[in-house]
C-alpha atoms as a PDB file:
ATOM      1  CA  UNK A   1       0.000   0.000   0.000  1.00  0.00           C
ATOM      2  CA  UNK A   2       1.413   3.366  -1.019  1.00  0.00           C
ATOM      3  CA  UNK A   3       1.921   6.040   1.618  1.00  0.00           C
ATOM      4  CA  UNK A   4      -0.041   9.245   1.070  1.00  0.00           C
ATOM      5  CA  UNK A   5       2.278  12.251   1.037  1.00  0.00           C
ATOM      6  CA  UNK A   6       1.045  15.135   3.205  1.00  0.00           C
ATOM      7  CA  UNK A   7       1.096  17.819   0.527  1.00  0.00           C
ATOM      8  CA  UNK A   8      -0.561  20.336   2.849  1.00  0.00           C
ATOM      9  CA  UNK A   9       2.402  20.066   5.200  1.00  0.00           C
ATOM     10  CA  UNK A  10       4.798  20.417   2.271  1.00  0.00           C
ATOM     11  CA  UNK A  11       2.921  23.507   1.051  1.00  0.00           C
ATOM     12  CA  UNK A  12       3.290  25.032   4.522  1.00  0.00           C
ATOM     13  CA  UNK A  13       7.020  24.229   4.419  1.00  0.00           C
ATOM     14  CA  UNK A  14       7.230  25.870   1.005  1.00  0.00           C
ATOM     15  CA  UNK A  15       5.505  28.987   2.360  1.00  0.00           C
ATOM     16  CA  UNK A  16       7.921  29.122   5.308  1.00  0.00           C
ATOM     17  CA  UNK A  17      10.832  28.807   2.904  1.00  0.00           C
ATOM     18  CA  UNK A  18       9.477  31.654   0.806  1.00  0.00           C
ATOM     19  CA  UNK A  19       9.087  33.855   3.888  1.00  0.00           C
ATOM     20  CA  UNK A  20      12.640  32.985   4.933  1.00  0.00           C
ATOM     21  CA  UNK A  21      13.917  33.939   1.478  1.00  0.00           C
ATOM     22  CA  UNK A  22      12.178  37.315   1.748  1.00  0.00           C
ATOM     23  CA  UNK A  23      13.575  37.883   5.242  1.00  0.00           C
ATOM     24  CA  UNK A  24      17.112  37.066   4.070  1.00  0.00           C
ATOM     25  CA  UNK A  25      16.708  39.515   1.180  1.00  0.00           C
ATOM     26  CA  UNK A  26      15.552  42.139   3.695  1.00  0.00           C
ATOM     27  CA  UNK A  27      18.564  41.393   5.894  1.00  0.00           C
ATOM     28  CA  UNK A  28      20.877  41.915   2.935  1.00  0.00           C
ATOM     29  CA  UNK A  29      19.193  45.237   2.122  1.00  0.00           C
ATOM     30  CA  UNK A  30      19.413  46.408   5.739  1.00  0.00           C
ATOM     31  CA  UNK A  31      22.894  45.064   6.459  1.00  0.00           C
ATOM     32  CA  UNK A  32      24.732  48.359   5.983  1.00  0.00           C
ATOM     33  CA  UNK A  33      22.022  50.861   6.900  1.00  0.00           C
ATOM     34  CA  UNK A  34      20.381  49.234   9.894  1.00  0.00           C
ATOM     35  CA  UNK A  35      22.149  46.339  11.636  1.00  0.00           C
ATOM     36  CA  UNK A  36      19.300  45.969  14.145  1.00  0.00           C
ATOM     37  CA  UNK A  37      16.715  45.413  11.406  1.00  0.00           C
ATOM     38  CA  UNK A  38      19.167  43.090   9.673  1.00  0.00           C
ATOM     39  CA  UNK A  39      19.494  41.045  12.867  1.00  0.00           C
ATOM     40  CA  UNK A  40      15.714  40.869  13.352  1.00  0.00           C
ATOM     41  CA  UNK A  41      15.211  39.763   9.746  1.00  0.00           C
ATOM     42  CA  UNK A  42      17.829  37.033  10.152  1.00  0.00           C
ATOM     43  CA  UNK A  43      16.216  35.891  13.396  1.00  0.00           C
ATOM     44  CA  UNK A  44      12.836  35.638  11.654  1.00  0.00           C
ATOM     45  CA  UNK A  45      14.404  33.833   8.687  1.00  0.00           C
ATOM     46  CA  UNK A  46      16.069  31.360  11.014  1.00  0.00           C
ATOM     47  CA  UNK A  47      12.757  30.579  12.716  1.00  0.00           C
ATOM     48  CA  UNK A  48      11.005  30.078   9.369  1.00  0.00           C
ATOM     49  CA  UNK A  49      13.785  27.782   8.138  1.00  0.00           C
ATOM     50  CA  UNK A  50      13.569  25.721  11.328  1.00  0.00           C
ATOM     51  CA  UNK A  51       9.805  25.428  10.924  1.00  0.00           C
ATOM     52  CA  UNK A  52      10.144  24.378   7.281  1.00  0.00           C
ATOM     53  CA  UNK A  53      12.824  21.830   8.201  1.00  0.00           C
ATOM     54  CA  UNK A  54      10.570  20.311  10.857  1.00  0.00           C
ATOM     55  CA  UNK A  55       7.667  19.965   8.432  1.00  0.00           C
ATOM     56  CA  UNK A  56       9.822  18.450   5.684  1.00  0.00           C
ATOM     57  CA  UNK A  57      11.364  16.051   8.189  1.00  0.00           C
ATOM     58  CA  UNK A  58       7.912  14.937   9.343  1.00  0.00           C
ATOM     59  CA  UNK A  59       6.846  14.120   5.789  1.00  0.00           C
ATOM     60  CA  UNK A  60      10.158  12.417   5.023  1.00  0.00           C
ATOM     61  CA  UNK A  61       9.971  10.371   8.212  1.00  0.00           C
ATOM     62  CA  UNK A  62       6.439   9.198   7.441  1.00  0.00           C
ATOM     63  CA  UNK A  63       7.585   8.085   3.990  1.00  0.00           C
ATOM     64  CA  UNK A  64      10.536   6.180   5.432  1.00  0.00           C
ATOM     65  CA  UNK A  65       8.337   4.484   8.009  1.00  0.00           C
ATOM     66  CA  UNK A  66       5.829   3.475   5.321  1.00  0.00           C
ATOM     67  CA  UNK A  67       8.518   2.025   3.072  1.00  0.00           C
ATOM     68  CA  UNK A  68       9.944  -0.275   5.756  1.00  0.00           C
ATOM     69  CA  UNK A  69       8.810  -3.891   5.564  1.00  0.00           C
ATOM     70  CA  UNK A  70       6.286  -4.946   8.195  1.00  0.00           C
END
């Protein structure tokens, strides 16, 4: 029996990745002019990346578990 991939979770991970990308771009833009805003953008990006990693890992883990012989 094939394991159903949780595409909703992957879409949420994709959204978090997109937000992180935007925050990193903001950090680059602010790096010279405003180090505090740069730091806050990087902190937000880091949190989004961690969230995306967790969601991807959950989906990956469920696929690995399903593919193991009973």
